[in-house]
Amino acid sequence: QVQLVESGGGLVEPGGSLRLSCAASGSIFSIYAMGWYRQAPGKQRELVATITHRGTTDYADSVKGRFTISRDNGKNTVYLQMNSLKPDDTAVYYCNKEPPIAPWWGQGTQVTVSS
């Protein structure tokens, strides 16, 4: 059973930056495509960025050019660098396999963009 622990969220002003981390237990992490997802209040969870096991990335249009996903397979960790943050980016951010596996959902990390 893989466990995912997200961290790095917080309160930031519009235009600011944050770097999220997702630490995974289990040695099989490196073979999976991983994704960062987010869920804003009253909205469905959405996929914002993906990275294959080889490092190919893809982004939702709403974050393209502002967010960068990366991974360190040696550390079993996936990162999300978020720049030029907007109030609409406010959400709880989660990582999971892409496509996601229900038992893998962690607690997420809250990102709040507000002045």
N, C-alpha and C. Protein backbone atom coordinates (compact mmCIF):
# COMPACT_ATOMS: atom_id res chain seq x y z
N GLN A 1 0.85 -1.19 0.00
CA GLN A 1 0.00 0.00 0.00
C GLN A 1 0.88 1.24 0.00
N VAL A 2 0.66 2.12 -0.97
CA VAL A 2 1.41 3.37 -1.05
C VAL A 2 0.73 4.42 -0.20
N GLN A 3 1.53 5.18 0.52
CA GLN A 3 1.01 6.33 1.27
C GLN A 3 1.65 7.59 0.72
N LEU A 4 0.82 8.60 0.52
CA LEU A 4 1.27 9.88 -0.03
C LEU A 4 1.05 10.97 1.00
N VAL A 5 2.07 11.79 1.22
CA VAL A 5 1.98 12.89 2.18
C VAL A 5 2.35 14.18 1.48
N GLU A 6 1.38 15.08 1.37
CA GLU A 6 1.60 16.38 0.73
C GLU A 6 2.01 17.42 1.77
N SER A 7 2.84 18.36 1.35
CA SER A 7 3.26 19.44 2.23
C SER A 7 3.65 20.65 1.41
N GLY A 8 3.82 21.79 2.09
CA GLY A 8 4.31 22.99 1.42
C GLY A 8 3.27 24.06 1.16
N GLY A 9 2.02 23.77 1.49
CA GLY A 9 0.98 24.76 1.28
C GLY A 9 1.07 25.90 2.27
N GLY A 10 0.21 26.89 2.08
CA GLY A 10 0.19 28.03 2.98
C GLY A 10 -0.59 29.18 2.41
N LEU A 11 -0.46 30.32 3.07
CA LEU A 11 -1.10 31.55 2.64
C LEU A 11 -0.09 32.40 1.88
N VAL A 12 -0.46 32.84 0.70
CA VAL A 12 0.44 33.64 -0.11
C VAL A 12 -0.36 34.73 -0.82
N GLU A 13 0.28 35.84 -1.06
CA GLU A 13 -0.37 36.95 -1.76
C GLU A 13 -0.43 36.67 -3.26
N PRO A 14 -1.38 37.26 -3.94
CA PRO A 14 -1.42 37.12 -5.41
C PRO A 14 -0.08 37.51 -6.03
N GLY A 15 0.35 36.71 -6.98
CA GLY A 15 1.65 36.93 -7.60
C GLY A 15 2.78 36.19 -6.94
N GLY A 16 2.52 35.61 -5.78
CA GLY A 16 3.56 34.90 -5.05
C GLY A 16 3.78 33.48 -5.54
N SER A 17 4.67 32.78 -4.84
CA SER A 17 5.06 31.42 -5.23
C SER A 17 5.01 30.49 -4.04
N LEU A 18 4.79 29.22 -4.33
CA LEU A 18 4.89 28.15 -3.36
C LEU A 18 5.44 26.92 -4.06
N ARG A 19 6.08 26.06 -3.28
CA ARG A 19 6.55 24.77 -3.79
C ARG A 19 5.96 23.66 -2.94
N LEU A 20 5.14 22.85 -3.57
CA LEU A 20 4.52 21.72 -2.88
C LEU A 20 5.37 20.47 -3.07
N SER A 21 5.34 19.61 -2.06
CA SER A 21 6.04 18.32 -2.13
C SER A 21 5.06 17.20 -1.82
N CYS A 22 5.30 16.07 -2.43
CA CYS A 22 4.49 14.87 -2.18
C CYS A 22 5.46 13.71 -1.98
N ALA A 23 5.55 13.24 -0.76
CA ALA A 23 6.44 12.14 -0.44
C ALA A 23 5.66 10.84 -0.45
N ALA A 24 6.18 9.85 -1.17
CA ALA A 24 5.51 8.56 -1.30
C ALA A 24 6.30 7.46 -0.63
N SER A 25 5.59 6.59 0.05
CA SER A 25 6.22 5.39 0.58
C SER A 25 6.17 4.31 -0.48
N GLY A 26 7.04 3.34 -0.43
CA GLY A 26 6.96 2.25 -1.39
C GLY A 26 7.95 2.41 -2.52
N SER A 27 8.64 1.35 -2.85
CA SER A 27 9.69 1.41 -3.85
C SER A 27 9.18 1.39 -5.27
N ILE A 28 7.86 1.16 -5.48
CA ILE A 28 7.34 1.08 -6.83
C ILE A 28 6.90 2.44 -7.35
N PHE A 29 7.09 3.48 -6.57
CA PHE A 29 6.68 4.83 -6.95
C PHE A 29 7.20 5.20 -8.32
N SER A 30 8.44 4.86 -8.62
CA SER A 30 9.11 5.38 -9.82
C SER A 30 8.51 4.88 -11.12
N ILE A 31 7.69 3.85 -11.10
CA ILE A 31 7.16 3.30 -12.34
C ILE A 31 5.84 3.95 -12.75
N TYR A 32 5.29 4.79 -11.89
CA TYR A 32 3.97 5.35 -12.14
C TYR A 32 4.03 6.78 -12.66
N ALA A 33 3.10 7.11 -13.53
CA ALA A 33 2.82 8.51 -13.82
C ALA A 33 2.11 9.09 -12.60
N MET A 34 2.49 10.30 -12.23
CA MET A 34 1.91 10.94 -11.05
C MET A 34 1.25 12.26 -11.45
N GLY A 35 0.32 12.68 -10.63
CA GLY A 35 -0.37 13.93 -10.91
C GLY A 35 -0.59 14.75 -9.65
N TRP A 36 -0.69 16.04 -9.85
CA TRP A 36 -1.16 16.95 -8.80
C TRP A 36 -2.60 17.33 -9.13
N TYR A 37 -3.45 17.27 -8.13
CA TYR A 37 -4.85 17.58 -8.26
C TYR A 37 -5.19 18.67 -7.25
N ARG A 38 -6.31 19.35 -7.49
CA ARG A 38 -6.74 20.33 -6.50
C ARG A 38 -8.26 20.34 -6.42
N GLN A 39 -8.75 20.72 -5.25
CA GLN A 39 -10.18 20.83 -5.04
C GLN A 39 -10.47 22.13 -4.31
N ALA A 40 -11.16 23.01 -4.99
CA ALA A 40 -11.58 24.28 -4.39
C ALA A 40 -12.94 24.09 -3.72
N PRO A 41 -13.26 24.96 -2.77
CA PRO A 41 -14.56 24.83 -2.07
C PRO A 41 -15.72 24.83 -3.05
N GLY A 42 -16.60 23.85 -2.91
CA GLY A 42 -17.78 23.77 -3.76
C GLY A 42 -17.54 23.27 -5.17
N LYS A 43 -16.31 22.84 -5.45
CA LYS A 43 -15.99 22.38 -6.81
C LYS A 43 -15.46 20.96 -6.77
N GLN A 44 -15.49 20.32 -7.94
CA GLN A 44 -14.95 18.97 -8.04
C GLN A 44 -13.43 19.01 -8.09
N ARG A 45 -12.84 17.91 -7.67
CA ARG A 45 -11.40 17.80 -7.76
C ARG A 45 -10.98 17.78 -9.22
N GLU A 46 -9.90 18.51 -9.54
CA GLU A 46 -9.44 18.59 -10.92
C GLU A 46 -7.94 18.30 -10.98
N LEU A 47 -7.55 17.76 -12.12
CA LEU A 47 -6.14 17.46 -12.37
C LEU A 47 -5.47 18.71 -12.91
N VAL A 48 -4.34 19.10 -12.32
CA VAL A 48 -3.68 20.32 -12.79
C VAL A 48 -2.34 20.04 -13.47
N ALA A 49 -1.68 18.93 -13.12
CA ALA A 49 -0.38 18.65 -13.73
C ALA A 49 -0.08 17.17 -13.62
N THR A 50 0.59 16.64 -14.65
CA THR A 50 0.99 15.24 -14.63
C THR A 50 2.45 15.11 -15.05
N ILE A 51 3.07 14.03 -14.61
CA ILE A 51 4.43 13.72 -15.01
C ILE A 51 4.55 12.21 -15.15
N THR A 52 5.05 11.76 -16.29
CA THR A 52 5.23 10.32 -16.50
C THR A 52 6.46 9.83 -15.74
N HIS A 53 6.63 8.52 -15.74
CA HIS A 53 7.79 7.97 -15.02
C HIS A 53 9.09 8.40 -15.69
N ARG A 54 8.99 8.81 -16.97
CA ARG A 54 10.19 9.26 -17.68
C ARG A 54 10.37 10.77 -17.62
N GLY A 55 9.39 11.48 -17.04
CA GLY A 55 9.55 12.92 -16.87
C GLY A 55 8.80 13.79 -17.86
N THR A 56 7.99 13.20 -18.71
CA THR A 56 7.17 14.00 -19.62
C THR A 56 6.03 14.64 -18.84
N THR A 57 5.82 15.92 -19.05
CA THR A 57 4.85 16.67 -18.25
C THR A 57 3.69 17.18 -19.11
N ASP A 58 2.59 17.46 -18.43
CA ASP A 58 1.42 18.05 -19.06
C ASP A 58 0.69 18.87 -18.01
N TYR A 59 -0.04 19.90 -18.46
CA TYR A 59 -0.67 20.83 -17.54
C TYR A 59 -2.07 21.21 -17.99
N ALA A 60 -2.91 21.51 -17.02
CA ALA A 60 -4.20 22.10 -17.33
C ALA A 60 -3.97 23.50 -17.89
N ASP A 61 -4.85 23.93 -18.77
CA ASP A 61 -4.68 25.25 -19.38
C ASP A 61 -4.63 26.36 -18.33
N SER A 62 -5.35 26.17 -17.24
CA SER A 62 -5.44 27.23 -16.22
C SER A 62 -4.12 27.47 -15.49
N VAL A 63 -3.20 26.52 -15.55
CA VAL A 63 -1.93 26.68 -14.82
C VAL A 63 -0.71 26.65 -15.75
N LYS A 64 -0.95 26.41 -17.02
CA LYS A 64 0.17 26.30 -17.97
C LYS A 64 0.98 27.59 -17.99
N GLY A 65 2.29 27.45 -17.91
CA GLY A 65 3.17 28.60 -17.89
C GLY A 65 3.43 29.16 -16.51
N ARG A 66 2.66 28.70 -15.51
CA ARG A 66 2.84 29.20 -14.14
C ARG A 66 3.29 28.09 -13.19
N PHE A 67 2.84 26.87 -13.43
CA PHE A 67 3.17 25.73 -12.55
C PHE A 67 4.15 24.80 -13.26
N THR A 68 5.01 24.19 -12.47
CA THR A 68 5.96 23.20 -13.00
C THR A 68 5.97 21.98 -12.10
N ILE A 69 5.69 20.82 -12.68
CA ILE A 69 5.74 19.56 -11.95
C ILE A 69 7.07 18.88 -12.21
N SER A 70 7.61 18.26 -11.18
CA SER A 70 8.87 17.53 -11.33
C SER A 70 8.86 16.36 -10.34
N ARG A 71 9.83 15.48 -10.51
CA ARG A 71 9.89 14.33 -9.60
C ARG A 71 11.34 13.94 -9.36
N ASP A 72 11.59 13.36 -8.19
CA ASP A 72 12.88 12.80 -7.84
C ASP A 72 12.61 11.36 -7.43
N ASN A 73 12.80 10.42 -8.35
CA ASN A 73 12.47 9.03 -8.07
C ASN A 73 13.36 8.45 -6.96
N GLY A 74 14.56 8.96 -6.83
CA GLY A 74 15.44 8.49 -5.77
C GLY A 74 14.92 8.83 -4.39
N LYS A 75 14.16 9.93 -4.32
CA LYS A 75 13.59 10.37 -3.05
C LYS A 75 12.10 10.04 -2.95
N ASN A 76 11.57 9.35 -3.97
CA ASN A 76 10.13 9.03 -3.98
C ASN A 76 9.29 10.28 -3.74
N THR A 77 9.61 11.36 -4.42
CA THR A 77 8.94 12.64 -4.18
C THR A 77 8.58 13.30 -5.50
N VAL A 78 7.39 13.89 -5.50
CA VAL A 78 6.92 14.70 -6.62
C VAL A 78 6.75 16.13 -6.12
N TYR A 79 7.09 17.09 -6.95
CA TYR A 79 7.03 18.50 -6.58
C TYR A 79 6.08 19.26 -7.50
N LEU A 80 5.55 20.37 -7.00
CA LEU A 80 4.80 21.29 -7.83
C LEU A 80 5.25 22.71 -7.47
N GLN A 81 5.99 23.31 -8.38
CA GLN A 81 6.40 24.70 -8.22
C GLN A 81 5.30 25.57 -8.80
N MET A 82 4.76 26.45 -7.98
CA MET A 82 3.65 27.30 -8.39
C MET A 82 4.08 28.76 -8.32
N ASN A 83 4.08 29.42 -9.45
CA ASN A 83 4.46 30.83 -9.55
C ASN A 83 3.27 31.65 -10.02
N SER A 84 3.37 32.96 -9.85
CA SER A 84 2.31 33.89 -10.30
C SER A 84 0.95 33.42 -9.82
N LEU A 85 0.86 33.09 -8.55
CA LEU A 85 -0.38 32.54 -8.02
C LEU A 85 -1.51 33.55 -8.05
N LYS A 86 -2.71 33.02 -8.27
CA LYS A 86 -3.91 33.83 -8.37
C LYS A 86 -4.91 33.38 -7.30
N PRO A 87 -5.85 34.24 -6.93
CA PRO A 87 -6.88 33.80 -5.97
C PRO A 87 -7.62 32.54 -6.43
N ASP A 88 -7.80 32.37 -7.73
CA ASP A 88 -8.48 31.17 -8.25
C ASP A 88 -7.68 29.89 -8.02
N ASP A 89 -6.42 30.00 -7.65
CA ASP A 89 -5.61 28.82 -7.34
C ASP A 89 -5.86 28.31 -5.93
N THR A 90 -6.63 29.05 -5.15
CA THR A 90 -6.94 28.62 -3.78
C THR A 90 -7.68 27.29 -3.80
N ALA A 91 -7.13 26.31 -3.09
CA ALA A 91 -7.70 24.96 -3.08
C ALA A 91 -6.86 24.09 -2.14
N VAL A 92 -7.37 22.89 -1.90
CA VAL A 92 -6.56 21.86 -1.27
C VAL A 92 -5.89 21.08 -2.41
N TYR A 93 -4.59 20.92 -2.33
CA TYR A 93 -3.82 20.26 -3.37
C TYR A 93 -3.43 18.86 -2.91
N TYR A 94 -3.62 17.91 -3.81
CA TYR A 94 -3.33 16.50 -3.55
C TYR A 94 -2.43 15.95 -4.66
N CYS A 95 -1.68 14.93 -4.32
CA CYS A 95 -1.01 14.17 -5.37
C CYS A 95 -1.57 12.75 -5.38
N ASN A 96 -1.43 12.09 -6.51
CA ASN A 96 -1.89 10.72 -6.66
C ASN A 96 -1.33 10.20 -7.96
N LYS A 97 -1.48 8.93 -8.16
CA LYS A 97 -1.16 8.34 -9.44
C LYS A 97 -2.09 8.97 -10.49
N GLU A 98 -1.64 8.96 -11.76
CA GLU A 98 -2.48 9.42 -12.84
C GLU A 98 -2.67 8.27 -13.82
N PRO A 99 -3.91 7.73 -13.95
CA PRO A 99 -5.12 8.08 -13.23
C PRO A 99 -5.05 7.70 -11.75
N PRO A 100 -5.86 8.36 -10.92
CA PRO A 100 -5.74 8.18 -9.47
C PRO A 100 -6.26 6.83 -8.98
N ILE A 101 -5.72 6.44 -7.86
CA ILE A 101 -6.17 5.24 -7.14
C ILE A 101 -6.79 5.70 -5.84
N ALA A 102 -8.05 5.36 -5.63
CA ALA A 102 -8.79 5.91 -4.50
C ALA A 102 -8.10 5.74 -3.15
N PRO A 103 -7.57 4.55 -2.84
CA PRO A 103 -6.94 4.41 -1.50
C PRO A 103 -5.68 5.24 -1.32
N TRP A 104 -5.16 5.82 -2.37
CA TRP A 104 -3.92 6.58 -2.27
C TRP A 104 -4.14 8.03 -1.87
N TRP A 105 -5.39 8.51 -1.89
CA TRP A 105 -5.58 9.92 -1.56
C TRP A 105 -5.10 10.21 -0.15
N GLY A 106 -4.29 11.27 -0.02
CA GLY A 106 -3.82 11.71 1.28
C GLY A 106 -4.68 12.84 1.81
N GLN A 107 -4.13 13.56 2.78
CA GLN A 107 -4.87 14.65 3.41
C GLN A 107 -4.81 15.93 2.58
N GLY A 108 -3.85 16.02 1.71
CA GLY A 108 -3.70 17.22 0.91
C GLY A 108 -3.02 18.33 1.69
N THR A 109 -2.74 19.42 0.98
CA THR A 109 -2.15 20.60 1.60
C THR A 109 -2.90 21.83 1.10
N GLN A 110 -3.29 22.70 2.03
CA GLN A 110 -4.11 23.86 1.70
C GLN A 110 -3.25 24.98 1.11
N VAL A 111 -3.69 25.51 -0.01
CA VAL A 111 -3.07 26.68 -0.61
C VAL A 111 -4.13 27.78 -0.66
N THR A 112 -3.80 28.91 -0.05
CA THR A 112 -4.71 30.05 -0.04
C THR A 112 -3.99 31.26 -0.62
N VAL A 113 -4.58 31.81 -1.67
CA VAL A 113 -3.99 32.98 -2.34
C VAL A 113 -4.90 34.17 -2.06
N SER A 114 -4.41 35.08 -1.27
CA SER A 114 -5.24 36.20 -0.85
C SER A 114 -4.36 37.34 -0.38
N SER A 115 -4.86 38.55 -0.60
CA SER A 115 -4.15 39.73 -0.09
C SER A 115 -4.72 40.15 1.25
